[in-house]
Amino acid sequence: MNKLRYSEMFYSLQGEGRYVGVPSLFLRLFGCNFECSGFGQDRDRSKWLPFHEMPHNKDYPDAKVIGDLPVPHVGCDSSFSWGKKWGHLASNDDIKTLVKKMDDMVNWYGDKEHKSSPTAYKYTPNLLQDDGVHLVVTGGEPLLRGFQKGLVELMIHPDLHTRFVTIETNGTQEFSFKKLVSENTHEAYIDYYRKFGINKNSGVTFSVSPKLSNSGEKWEEAIVPEALESYNRWPKSYLYLKFVVRDEGEMKEVHEAVREYNHAGVDIDAVYLMPETGPHGMYDYEVAQLALKYGYKFSPRLQINLFGNEWGT
């Protein structure tokens, strides 16, 4: 039985990338292959916080759930969703249980906010449009090898009525549709194409956020074109790049990464620049100017503008 380990699940508006503003059910899986210690720190590594002082390595003895922990402002802003010290706070559910919790969560929100009015997550057929509720699987890194079978089972589960799925990945993990089908004989896997054919706009979107040197990760480990090629082979798939930048200093790497992906034959539908998290949106204007200068798309962090940089948003 496949299970997925996750740090939080919540219903909110998608704040980034292609589907900004779309009501979405977020599932944040627990685990990552990167640490991204450089975000929020000086470009001079000698000024970085030592490892033991990074937020996910501190002690918070009163924390009972991930939401009790502060959102990090240095390093990865979701580091509590992969830090080994906090694994005991994560949930671990089989797919059937997880789908039931998802349905209950979104319908509960509708009842709480609108009393008896239904939400889009009740999925009458006419709501299977671009304005319906989406599922966003994020992390951490949701395409770690140990998650992949469970993730596909979730995506095609008969009780998961949405067929609008976005996977937010760092783009380093291959995710082979052909391999997953060959390794699993359950008819649901074979039926995948038909299920994603319910609506002409349905399918899976790969929101790929390659890590540049400002993250602290190594180029040769972060830029993996063959991983993105495997995403292109998924039926009815869409792939875009979303680079986290703060100023002109990252743009040479952005251009080089795009060239490397293009040279490998990766089918890229769009390239976004998204501001690094900073106090009061301090990088937003400059990154918007870079998007205008170079012709890339601009992605806000709408969830921070609306709700602050908090868990569950």
C-alpha atoms as a PDB file:
ATOM      1  CA  MET A   1       0.000   0.000   0.000  1.00  0.00           C
ATOM      2  CA  ASN A   2       1.438   3.367  -1.048  1.00  0.00           C
ATOM      3  CA  LYS A   3       1.593   6.151   1.501  1.00  0.00           C
ATOM      4  CA  LEU A   4       2.616   9.788   1.323  1.00  0.00           C
ATOM      5  CA  ARG A   5       4.368  11.601   4.142  1.00  0.00           C
ATOM      6  CA  TYR A   6       3.446  15.257   4.359  1.00  0.00           C
ATOM      7  CA  SER A   7       4.009  18.225   6.637  1.00  0.00           C
ATOM      8  CA  GLU A   8       0.818  20.129   5.888  1.00  0.00           C
ATOM      9  CA  MET A   9      -2.309  20.185   3.776  1.00  0.00           C
ATOM     10  CA  PHE A  10      -4.312  23.355   3.258  1.00  0.00           C
ATOM     11  CA  TYR A  11      -6.815  25.117   1.011  1.00  0.00           C
ATOM     12  CA  SER A  12      -5.792  28.517  -0.328  1.00  0.00           C
ATOM     13  CA  LEU A  13      -5.237  30.538  -3.493  1.00  0.00           C
ATOM     14  CA  GLN A  14      -2.319  29.633  -5.723  1.00  0.00           C
ATOM     15  CA  GLY A  15       0.033  32.583  -5.302  1.00  0.00           C
ATOM     16  CA  GLU A  16       2.722  31.818  -7.857  1.00  0.00           C
ATOM     17  CA  GLY A  17       3.267  30.952 -11.498  1.00  0.00           C
ATOM     18  CA  ARG A  18       0.733  30.054 -14.163  1.00  0.00           C
ATOM     19  CA  TYR A  19      -2.355  29.698 -11.981  1.00  0.00           C
ATOM     20  CA  VAL A  20      -2.108  32.726  -9.686  1.00  0.00           C
ATOM     21  CA  GLY A  21      -5.442  33.283  -7.951  1.00  0.00           C
ATOM     22  CA  VAL A  22      -6.882  29.809  -8.553  1.00  0.00           C
ATOM     23  CA  PRO A  23      -8.451  28.104  -5.480  1.00  0.00           C
ATOM     24  CA  SER A  24      -6.149  25.176  -4.761  1.00  0.00           C
ATOM     25  CA  LEU A  25      -5.707  22.319  -2.330  1.00  0.00           C
ATOM     26  CA  PHE A  26      -2.023  22.180  -1.353  1.00  0.00           C
ATOM     27  CA  LEU A  27      -0.256  19.028  -0.199  1.00  0.00           C
ATOM     28  CA  ARG A  28       3.262  19.694   1.108  1.00  0.00           C
ATOM     29  CA  LEU A  29       5.257  16.460   1.124  1.00  0.00           C
ATOM     30  CA  PHE A  30       7.950  15.950   3.751  1.00  0.00           C
ATOM     31  CA  GLY A  31      11.480  15.538   2.412  1.00  0.00           C
ATOM     32  CA  CYS A  32      13.940  17.214   0.056  1.00  0.00           C
ATOM     33  CA  ASN A  33      17.287  16.600  -1.630  1.00  0.00           C
ATOM     34  CA  PHE A  34      18.378  20.248  -1.217  1.00  0.00           C
ATOM     35  CA  GLU A  35      18.733  22.676   1.692  1.00  0.00           C
ATOM     36  CA  CYS A  36      18.912  26.044  -0.139  1.00  0.00           C
ATOM     37  CA  SER A  37      20.736  27.666   2.774  1.00  0.00           C
ATOM     38  CA  GLY A  38      21.646  30.746   0.710  1.00  0.00           C
ATOM     39  CA  PHE A  39      18.212  32.322   0.455  1.00  0.00           C
ATOM     40  CA  GLY A  40      17.902  35.419   2.613  1.00  0.00           C
ATOM     41  CA  GLN A  41      21.654  35.548   3.197  1.00  0.00           C
ATOM     42  CA  ASP A  42      24.511  37.709   1.939  1.00  0.00           C
ATOM     43  CA  ARG A  43      26.143  36.715  -1.351  1.00  0.00           C
ATOM     44  CA  ASP A  44      29.399  36.487   0.612  1.00  0.00           C
ATOM     45  CA  ARG A  45      29.244  32.957   2.043  1.00  0.00           C
ATOM     46  CA  SER A  46      31.645  33.857   4.828  1.00  0.00           C
ATOM     47  CA  LYS A  47      28.781  35.874   6.321  1.00  0.00           C
ATOM     48  CA  TRP A  48      26.270  33.026   6.300  1.00  0.00           C
ATOM     49  CA  LEU A  49      24.795  31.664   9.502  1.00  0.00           C
ATOM     50  CA  PRO A  50      26.580  28.536  10.709  1.00  0.00           C
ATOM     51  CA  PHE A  51      24.714  25.287  10.125  1.00  0.00           C
ATOM     52  CA  HIS A  52      23.618  24.839  13.738  1.00  0.00           C
ATOM     53  CA  GLU A  53      22.019  28.306  13.731  1.00  0.00           C
ATOM     54  CA  MET A  54      19.835  27.695  10.681  1.00  0.00           C
ATOM     55  CA  PRO A  55      16.120  27.828  11.630  1.00  0.00           C
ATOM     56  CA  HIS A  56      15.388  24.127  11.111  1.00  0.00           C
ATOM     57  CA  ASN A  57      18.222  23.176  13.472  1.00  0.00           C
ATOM     58  CA  LYS A  58      16.965  25.187  16.426  1.00  0.00           C
ATOM     59  CA  ASP A  59      14.895  23.746  19.267  1.00  0.00           C
ATOM     60  CA  TYR A  60      11.165  24.384  19.597  1.00  0.00           C
ATOM     61  CA  PRO A  61      10.143  21.984  22.373  1.00  0.00           C
ATOM     62  CA  ASP A  62       6.511  23.141  22.508  1.00  0.00           C
ATOM     63  CA  ALA A  63       5.785  22.463  18.834  1.00  0.00           C
ATOM     64  CA  LYS A  64       3.110  19.793  18.350  1.00  0.00           C
ATOM     65  CA  VAL A  65       2.469  20.347  14.626  1.00  0.00           C
ATOM     66  CA  ILE A  66       4.409  22.024  11.823  1.00  0.00           C
ATOM     67  CA  GLY A  67       2.153  25.069  12.122  1.00  0.00           C
ATOM     68  CA  ASP A  68       3.517  25.726  15.622  1.00  0.00           C
ATOM     69  CA  LEU A  69       6.956  26.450  14.152  1.00  0.00           C
ATOM     70  CA  PRO A  70       8.044  29.864  12.844  1.00  0.00           C
ATOM     71  CA  VAL A  71       8.317  30.275   9.073  1.00  0.00           C
ATOM     72  CA  PRO A  72      12.058  30.594   8.354  1.00  0.00           C
ATOM     73  CA  HIS A  73      13.282  33.897   6.941  1.00  0.00           C
ATOM     74  CA  VAL A  74      16.789  32.587   6.289  1.00  0.00           C
ATOM     75  CA  GLY A  75      17.478  29.651   3.997  1.00  0.00           C
ATOM     76  CA  CYS A  76      14.607  27.561   2.647  1.00  0.00           C
ATOM     77  CA  ASP A  77      11.287  29.017   3.816  1.00  0.00           C
ATOM     78  CA  SER A  78       9.823  25.522   4.060  1.00  0.00           C
ATOM     79  CA  SER A  79      12.820  23.867   5.740  1.00  0.00           C
ATOM     80  CA  PHE A  80      10.616  22.419   8.476  1.00  0.00           C
ATOM     81  CA  SER A  81       9.051  20.282   5.743  1.00  0.00           C
ATOM     82  CA  TRP A  82      12.298  18.370   5.259  1.00  0.00           C
ATOM     83  CA  GLY A  83      14.483  18.943   8.319  1.00  0.00           C
ATOM     84  CA  LYS A  84      15.141  15.548   9.927  1.00  0.00           C
ATOM     85  CA  LYS A  85      14.614  17.051  13.348  1.00  0.00           C
ATOM     86  CA  TRP A  86      10.930  17.620  12.545  1.00  0.00           C
ATOM     87  CA  GLY A  87       9.942  14.375  10.877  1.00  0.00           C
ATOM     88  CA  HIS A  88       7.919  13.324  13.910  1.00  0.00           C
ATOM     89  CA  LEU A  89       5.491  16.180  13.209  1.00  0.00           C
ATOM     90  CA  ALA A  90       4.694  14.950   9.699  1.00  0.00           C
ATOM     91  CA  SER A  91       1.633  12.866   8.805  1.00  0.00           C
ATOM     92  CA  ASN A  92       1.844   9.613   6.851  1.00  0.00           C
ATOM     93  CA  ASP A  93      -1.372   8.470   5.163  1.00  0.00           C
ATOM     94  CA  ASP A  94      -2.385   5.887   2.604  1.00  0.00           C
ATOM     95  CA  ILE A  95      -3.855   7.402  -0.546  1.00  0.00           C
ATOM     96  CA  LYS A  96      -7.493   6.573   0.182  1.00  0.00           C
ATOM     97  CA  THR A  97      -7.278   8.250   3.589  1.00  0.00           C
ATOM     98  CA  LEU A  98      -5.462  11.227   2.114  1.00  0.00           C
ATOM     99  CA  VAL A  99      -8.084  11.796  -0.595  1.00  0.00           C
ATOM    100  CA  LYS A 100     -10.848  11.666   2.021  1.00  0.00           C
ATOM    101  CA  LYS A 101      -9.027  14.261   4.142  1.00  0.00           C
ATOM    102  CA  MET A 102      -8.624  16.501   1.101  1.00  0.00           C
ATOM    103  CA  ASP A 103     -12.301  16.357   0.270  1.00  0.00           C
ATOM    104  CA  ASP A 104     -13.277  17.009   3.880  1.00  0.00           C
ATOM    105  CA  MET A 105     -10.896  19.965   4.148  1.00  0.00           C
ATOM    106  CA  VAL A 106     -12.165  21.889   1.146  1.00  0.00           C
ATOM    107  CA  ASN A 107     -15.824  21.156   1.829  1.00  0.00           C
ATOM    108  CA  TRP A 108     -15.295  22.187   5.460  1.00  0.00           C
ATOM    109  CA  TYR A 109     -13.913  25.511   4.258  1.00  0.00           C
ATOM    110  CA  GLY A 110     -17.002  26.042   2.125  1.00  0.00           C
ATOM    111  CA  ASP A 111     -19.317  25.235   5.026  1.00  0.00           C
ATOM    112  CA  LYS A 112     -17.312  27.423   7.413  1.00  0.00           C
ATOM    113  CA  GLU A 113     -17.200  30.452   5.158  1.00  0.00           C
ATOM    114  CA  HIS A 114     -20.412  30.129   3.191  1.00  0.00           C
ATOM    115  CA  LYS A 115     -22.664  28.054   5.468  1.00  0.00           C
ATOM    116  CA  SER A 116     -24.625  25.704   3.215  1.00  0.00           C
ATOM    117  CA  SER A 117     -23.268  26.819  -0.162  1.00  0.00           C
ATOM    118  CA  PRO A 118     -21.222  24.202  -2.046  1.00  0.00           C
ATOM    119  CA  THR A 119     -17.612  24.701  -3.077  1.00  0.00           C
ATOM    120  CA  ALA A 120     -16.033  23.898  -6.415  1.00  0.00           C
ATOM    121  CA  TYR A 121     -14.416  20.868  -4.825  1.00  0.00           C
ATOM    122  CA  LYS A 122     -17.770  19.054  -4.904  1.00  0.00           C
ATOM    123  CA  TYR A 123     -17.011  18.707  -8.630  1.00  0.00           C
ATOM    124  CA  THR A 124     -20.217  18.738 -10.576  1.00  0.00           C
ATOM    125  CA  PRO A 125     -19.170  18.075 -14.190  1.00  0.00           C
ATOM    126  CA  ASN A 126     -19.623  21.680 -15.324  1.00  0.00           C
ATOM    127  CA  LEU A 127     -17.046  22.790 -12.741  1.00  0.00           C
ATOM    128  CA  LEU A 128     -14.263  20.795 -14.378  1.00  0.00           C
ATOM    129  CA  GLN A 129     -12.961  23.974 -15.970  1.00  0.00           C
ATOM    130  CA  ASP A 130      -9.955  26.209 -15.404  1.00  0.00           C
ATOM    131  CA  ASP A 131     -11.861  28.005 -12.636  1.00  0.00           C
ATOM    132  CA  GLY A 132     -12.326  24.802 -10.642  1.00  0.00           C
ATOM    133  CA  VAL A 133     -10.237  23.792  -7.634  1.00  0.00           C
ATOM    134  CA  HIS A 134      -6.742  22.551  -8.431  1.00  0.00           C
ATOM    135  CA  LEU A 135      -4.481  20.142  -6.560  1.00  0.00           C
ATOM    136  CA  VAL A 136      -0.951  21.435  -5.933  1.00  0.00           C
ATOM    137  CA  VAL A 137       1.675  18.983  -4.693  1.00  0.00           C
ATOM    138  CA  THR A 138       4.665  20.801  -3.273  1.00  0.00           C
ATOM    139  CA  GLY A 139       7.424  20.342  -0.717  1.00  0.00           C
ATOM    140  CA  GLY A 140      10.151  19.919   0.138  1.00  0.00           C
ATOM    141  CA  GLU A 141      10.660  18.019  -3.100  1.00  0.00           C
ATOM    142  CA  PRO A 142       7.536  16.078  -4.127  1.00  0.00           C
ATOM    143  CA  LEU A 143       9.281  14.038  -6.823  1.00  0.00           C
ATOM    144  CA  LEU A 144      11.714  12.214  -4.556  1.00  0.00           C
ATOM    145  CA  ARG A 145      11.848   8.580  -5.648  1.00  0.00           C
ATOM    146  CA  GLY A 146      10.049   7.347  -2.542  1.00  0.00           C
ATOM    147  CA  PHE A 147       7.018   9.529  -3.307  1.00  0.00           C
ATOM    148  CA  GLN A 148       6.529   8.726  -6.975  1.00  0.00           C
ATOM    149  CA  LYS A 149       4.285   5.651  -6.896  1.00  0.00           C
ATOM    150  CA  GLY A 150       2.094   7.165  -4.215  1.00  0.00           C
ATOM    151  CA  LEU A 151       1.908  10.440  -6.106  1.00  0.00           C
ATOM    152  CA  VAL A 152       0.690   8.783  -9.301  1.00  0.00           C
ATOM    153  CA  GLU A 153      -1.846   6.747  -7.325  1.00  0.00           C
ATOM    154  CA  LEU A 154      -3.100   9.996  -5.805  1.00  0.00           C
ATOM    155  CA  MET A 155      -3.319  11.772  -9.171  1.00  0.00           C
ATOM    156  CA  ILE A 156      -5.554   9.102 -10.705  1.00  0.00           C
ATOM    157  CA  HIS A 157      -7.492   8.026  -7.616  1.00  0.00           C
ATOM    158  CA  PRO A 158     -11.185   7.647  -8.576  1.00  0.00           C
ATOM    159  CA  ASP A 159     -12.317   9.726  -5.595  1.00  0.00           C
ATOM    160  CA  LEU A 160     -10.007  12.629  -6.451  1.00  0.00           C
ATOM    161  CA  HIS A 161     -12.367  14.486  -8.724  1.00  0.00           C
ATOM    162  CA  THR A 162     -10.033  17.213  -9.919  1.00  0.00           C
ATOM    163  CA  ARG A 163      -7.798  16.497 -12.914  1.00  0.00           C
ATOM    164  CA  PHE A 164      -5.935  19.792 -12.594  1.00  0.00           C
ATOM    165  CA  VAL A 165      -2.670  18.880 -10.887  1.00  0.00           C
ATOM    166  CA  THR A 166       0.401  21.065 -10.426  1.00  0.00           C
ATOM    167  CA  ILE A 167       3.649  19.556  -9.158  1.00  0.00           C
ATOM    168  CA  GLU A 168       6.048  22.152  -7.738  1.00  0.00           C
ATOM    169  CA  THR A 169       9.520  20.668  -8.132  1.00  0.00           C
ATOM    170  CA  ASN A 170      13.155  21.750  -8.165  1.00  0.00           C
ATOM    171  CA  GLY A 171      13.594  19.842 -11.410  1.00  0.00           C
ATOM    172  CA  THR A 172      16.301  17.415 -10.337  1.00  0.00           C
ATOM    173  CA  GLN A 173      14.314  14.174 -10.049  1.00  0.00           C
ATOM    174  CA  GLU A 174      13.338  12.152 -13.108  1.00  0.00           C
ATOM    175  CA  PHE A 175       9.659  11.166 -13.093  1.00  0.00           C
ATOM    176  CA  SER A 176       9.052   8.511 -15.736  1.00  0.00           C
ATOM    177  CA  PHE A 177       5.458   7.837 -16.723  1.00  0.00           C
ATOM    178  CA  LYS A 178       6.520   4.810 -18.777  1.00  0.00           C
ATOM    179  CA  LYS A 179       8.436   3.286 -15.878  1.00  0.00           C
ATOM    180  CA  LEU A 180       5.622   3.807 -13.401  1.00  0.00           C
ATOM    181  CA  VAL A 181       3.122   2.197 -15.754  1.00  0.00           C
ATOM    182  CA  SER A 182       5.342  -0.821 -16.390  1.00  0.00           C
ATOM    183  CA  GLU A 183       5.956  -1.339 -12.678  1.00  0.00           C
ATOM    184  CA  ASN A 184       2.265  -1.217 -11.750  1.00  0.00           C
ATOM    185  CA  THR A 185      -0.356  -3.396 -13.404  1.00  0.00           C
ATOM    186  CA  HIS A 186      -3.403  -1.919 -11.683  1.00  0.00           C
ATOM    187  CA  GLU A 187      -5.915  -0.927 -14.345  1.00  0.00           C
ATOM    188  CA  ALA A 188      -6.064   2.611 -12.964  1.00  0.00           C
ATOM    189  CA  TYR A 189      -2.548   3.243 -14.253  1.00  0.00           C
ATOM    190  CA  ILE A 190      -3.413   1.893 -17.681  1.00  0.00           C
ATOM    191  CA  ASP A 191      -6.536   4.070 -17.610  1.00  0.00           C
ATOM    192  CA  TYR A 192      -4.521   7.227 -16.982  1.00  0.00           C
ATOM    193  CA  TYR A 193      -4.898   8.742 -20.428  1.00  0.00           C
ATOM    194  CA  ARG A 194      -8.663   8.332 -20.427  1.00  0.00           C
ATOM    195  CA  LYS A 195      -9.031   9.881 -16.996  1.00  0.00           C
ATOM    196  CA  PHE A 196      -6.966  12.915 -17.972  1.00  0.00           C
ATOM    197  CA  GLY A 197      -9.100  13.222 -21.084  1.00  0.00           C
ATOM    198  CA  ILE A 198     -12.191  14.255 -19.091  1.00  0.00           C
ATOM    199  CA  ASN A 199     -11.601  17.891 -19.971  1.00  0.00           C
ATOM    200  CA  LYS A 200      -9.507  19.379 -22.744  1.00  0.00           C
ATOM    201  CA  ASN A 201      -7.779  21.649 -20.216  1.00  0.00           C
ATOM    202  CA  SER A 202      -7.043  18.960 -17.622  1.00  0.00           C
ATOM    203  CA  GLY A 203      -3.631  17.458 -17.101  1.00  0.00           C
ATOM    204  CA  VAL A 204      -0.481  17.869 -15.051  1.00  0.00           C
ATOM    205  CA  THR A 205       1.550  21.069 -14.822  1.00  0.00           C
ATOM    206  CA  PHE A 206       5.192  20.870 -13.803  1.00  0.00           C
ATOM    207  CA  SER A 207       6.159  24.095 -12.056  1.00  0.00           C
ATOM    208  CA  VAL A 208       9.945  23.784 -12.111  1.00  0.00           C
ATOM    209  CA  SER A 209      11.995  26.087  -9.886  1.00  0.00           C
ATOM    210  CA  PRO A 210      15.666  25.406 -10.715  1.00  0.00           C
ATOM    211  CA  LYS A 211      18.008  26.489  -7.964  1.00  0.00           C
ATOM    212  CA  LEU A 212      20.650  29.097  -8.829  1.00  0.00           C
ATOM    213  CA  SER A 213      23.804  29.899  -6.870  1.00  0.00           C
ATOM    214  CA  ASN A 214      21.846  32.295  -4.621  1.00  0.00           C
ATOM    215  CA  SER A 215      20.290  29.171  -3.098  1.00  0.00           C
ATOM    216  CA  GLY A 216      23.654  27.749  -2.114  1.00  0.00           C
ATOM    217  CA  GLU A 217      23.241  24.636  -4.282  1.00  0.00           C
ATOM    218  CA  LYS A 218      25.744  23.493  -6.925  1.00  0.00           C
ATOM    219  CA  TRP A 219      24.923  24.139 -10.583  1.00  0.00           C
ATOM    220  CA  GLU A 220      25.742  20.617 -11.725  1.00  0.00           C
ATOM    221  CA  GLU A 221      23.330  19.176  -9.150  1.00  0.00           C
ATOM    222  CA  ALA A 222      20.588  21.759  -9.668  1.00  0.00           C
ATOM    223  CA  ILE A 223      20.333  22.003 -13.472  1.00  0.00           C
ATOM    224  CA  VAL A 224      19.286  18.552 -14.698  1.00  0.00           C
ATOM    225  CA  PRO A 225      17.771  18.714 -18.222  1.00  0.00           C
ATOM    226  CA  GLU A 226      17.089  14.974 -18.401  1.00  0.00           C
ATOM    227  CA  ALA A 227      14.707  15.293 -15.442  1.00  0.00           C
ATOM    228  CA  LEU A 228      12.667  17.905 -17.295  1.00  0.00           C
ATOM    229  CA  GLU A 229      12.681  15.769 -20.428  1.00  0.00           C
ATOM    230  CA  SER A 230      10.951  13.040 -18.403  1.00  0.00           C
ATOM    231  CA  TYR A 231       8.239  15.534 -17.392  1.00  0.00           C
ATOM    232  CA  ASN A 232       7.644  16.408 -21.049  1.00  0.00           C
ATOM    233  CA  ARG A 233       6.787  12.770 -21.727  1.00  0.00           C
ATOM    234  CA  TRP A 234       3.787  12.791 -19.394  1.00  0.00           C
ATOM    235  CA  PRO A 235       0.466  12.874 -21.263  1.00  0.00           C
ATOM    236  CA  LYS A 236      -1.253  16.248 -21.351  1.00  0.00           C
ATOM    237  CA  SER A 237       1.606  17.917 -19.506  1.00  0.00           C
ATOM    238  CA  TYR A 238       2.657  21.569 -19.296  1.00  0.00           C
ATOM    239  CA  LEU A 239       6.046  22.719 -18.020  1.00  0.00           C
ATOM    240  CA  TYR A 240       7.257  26.145 -17.001  1.00  0.00           C
ATOM    241  CA  LEU A 241      10.363  27.458 -15.244  1.00  0.00           C
ATOM    242  CA  LYS A 242      10.220  29.732 -12.202  1.00  0.00           C
ATOM    243  CA  PHE A 243      13.527  31.261 -11.100  1.00  0.00           C
ATOM    244  CA  VAL A 244      13.866  32.884  -7.673  1.00  0.00           C
ATOM    245  CA  VAL A 245      15.948  36.046  -8.061  1.00  0.00           C
ATOM    246  CA  ARG A 246      16.586  39.272  -6.195  1.00  0.00           C
ATOM    247  CA  ASP A 247      18.403  41.456  -8.751  1.00  0.00           C
ATOM    248  CA  GLU A 248      20.495  41.588 -11.917  1.00  0.00           C
ATOM    249  CA  GLY A 249      23.131  39.441 -10.218  1.00  0.00           C
ATOM    250  CA  GLU A 250      21.185  36.247 -10.964  1.00  0.00           C
ATOM    251  CA  MET A 251      20.258  36.972 -14.573  1.00  0.00           C
ATOM    252  CA  LYS A 252      23.368  35.523 -16.215  1.00  0.00           C
ATOM    253  CA  GLU A 253      22.582  32.191 -14.552  1.00  0.00           C
ATOM    254  CA  VAL A 254      18.917  32.405 -15.570  1.00  0.00           C
ATOM    255  CA  HIS A 255      19.880  32.876 -19.223  1.00  0.00           C
ATOM    256  CA  GLU A 256      22.431  30.060 -19.056  1.00  0.00           C
ATOM    257  CA  ALA A 257      19.973  27.634 -17.452  1.00  0.00           C
ATOM    258  CA  VAL A 258      17.323  28.386 -20.090  1.00  0.00           C
ATOM    259  CA  ARG A 259      19.913  27.852 -22.838  1.00  0.00           C
ATOM    260  CA  GLU A 260      20.993  24.550 -21.311  1.00  0.00           C
ATOM    261  CA  TYR A 261      17.417  23.273 -21.126  1.00  0.00           C
ATOM    262  CA  ASN A 262      16.697  24.443 -24.678  1.00  0.00           C
ATOM    263  CA  HIS A 263      19.869  22.799 -25.977  1.00  0.00           C
ATOM    264  CA  ALA A 264      18.744  19.504 -24.429  1.00  0.00           C
ATOM    265  CA  GLY A 265      15.402  19.782 -26.226  1.00  0.00           C
ATOM    266  CA  VAL A 266      13.245  20.474 -23.169  1.00  0.00           C
ATOM    267  CA  ASP A 267       9.826  21.820 -24.171  1.00  0.00           C
ATOM    268  CA  ILE A 268       9.403  24.935 -21.997  1.00  0.00           C
ATOM    269  CA  ASP A 269       6.031  26.664 -22.124  1.00  0.00           C
ATOM    270  CA  ALA A 270       7.022  29.775 -20.143  1.00  0.00           C
ATOM    271  CA  VAL A 271       9.797  31.256 -17.997  1.00  0.00           C
ATOM    272  CA  TYR A 272       8.966  33.247 -14.866  1.00  0.00           C
ATOM    273  CA  LEU A 273      11.055  35.430 -12.589  1.00  0.00           C
ATOM    274  CA  MET A 274       9.874  35.412  -8.973  1.00  0.00           C
ATOM    275  CA  PRO A 275      11.275  37.681  -6.248  1.00  0.00           C
ATOM    276  CA  GLU A 276      13.188  36.128  -3.409  1.00  0.00           C
ATOM    277  CA  THR A 277      11.289  36.506  -0.151  1.00  0.00           C
ATOM    278  CA  GLY A 278      12.291  39.706   1.612  1.00  0.00           C
ATOM    279  CA  PRO A 279      10.858  42.177   4.132  1.00  0.00           C
ATOM    280  CA  HIS A 280       7.848  44.072   2.732  1.00  0.00           C
ATOM    281  CA  GLY A 281       8.363  42.721  -0.779  1.00  0.00           C
ATOM    282  CA  MET A 282      11.689  44.514  -1.054  1.00  0.00           C
ATOM    283  CA  TYR A 283      12.702  42.704  -4.269  1.00  0.00           C
ATOM    284  CA  ASP A 284       9.356  42.822  -6.077  1.00  0.00           C
ATOM    285  CA  TYR A 285       9.826  46.041  -8.043  1.00  0.00           C
ATOM    286  CA  GLU A 286      13.349  45.264  -9.202  1.00  0.00           C
ATOM    287  CA  VAL A 287      12.425  41.752 -10.322  1.00  0.00           C
ATOM    288  CA  ALA A 288       9.411  43.146 -12.192  1.00  0.00           C
ATOM    289  CA  GLN A 289      11.789  45.499 -14.004  1.00  0.00           C
ATOM    290  CA  LEU A 290      14.029  42.545 -14.908  1.00  0.00           C
ATOM    291  CA  ALA A 291      11.039  40.712 -16.377  1.00  0.00           C
ATOM    292  CA  LEU A 292      10.282  43.759 -18.523  1.00  0.00           C
ATOM    293  CA  LYS A 293      13.923  44.123 -19.541  1.00  0.00           C
ATOM    294  CA  TYR A 294      14.452  40.508 -20.611  1.00  0.00           C
ATOM    295  CA  GLY A 295      10.958  39.508 -21.727  1.00  0.00           C
ATOM    296  CA  TYR A 296      10.344  36.864 -19.071  1.00  0.00           C
ATOM    297  CA  LYS A 297       7.059  36.585 -17.192  1.00  0.00           C
ATOM    298  CA  PHE A 298       6.778  37.917 -13.645  1.00  0.00           C
ATOM    299  CA  SER A 299       5.422  35.764 -10.842  1.00  0.00           C
ATOM    300  CA  PRO A 300       4.288  37.420  -7.625  1.00  0.00           C
ATOM    301  CA  ARG A 301       4.051  35.725  -4.264  1.00  0.00           C
ATOM    302  CA  LEU A 302       0.382  36.577  -3.875  1.00  0.00           C
ATOM    303  CA  GLN A 303      -0.045  34.406  -0.795  1.00  0.00           C
ATOM    304  CA  ILE A 304       2.462  36.548   1.121  1.00  0.00           C
ATOM    305  CA  ASN A 305       0.750  39.770   0.060  1.00  0.00           C
ATOM    306  CA  LEU A 306      -2.638  38.438   1.178  1.00  0.00           C
ATOM    307  CA  PHE A 307      -1.857  36.344   4.235  1.00  0.00           C
ATOM    308  CA  GLY A 308       1.737  37.082   5.219  1.00  0.00           C
ATOM    309  CA  ASN A 309       4.520  34.517   5.112  1.00  0.00           C
ATOM    310  CA  GLU A 310       2.720  31.902   7.192  1.00  0.00           C
ATOM    311  CA  TRP A 311       2.090  28.160   7.185  1.00  0.00           C
ATOM    312  CA  GLY A 312      -1.150  27.077   5.576  1.00  0.00           C
ATOM    313  CA  THR A 313      -1.182  29.787   2.925  1.00  0.00           C
END
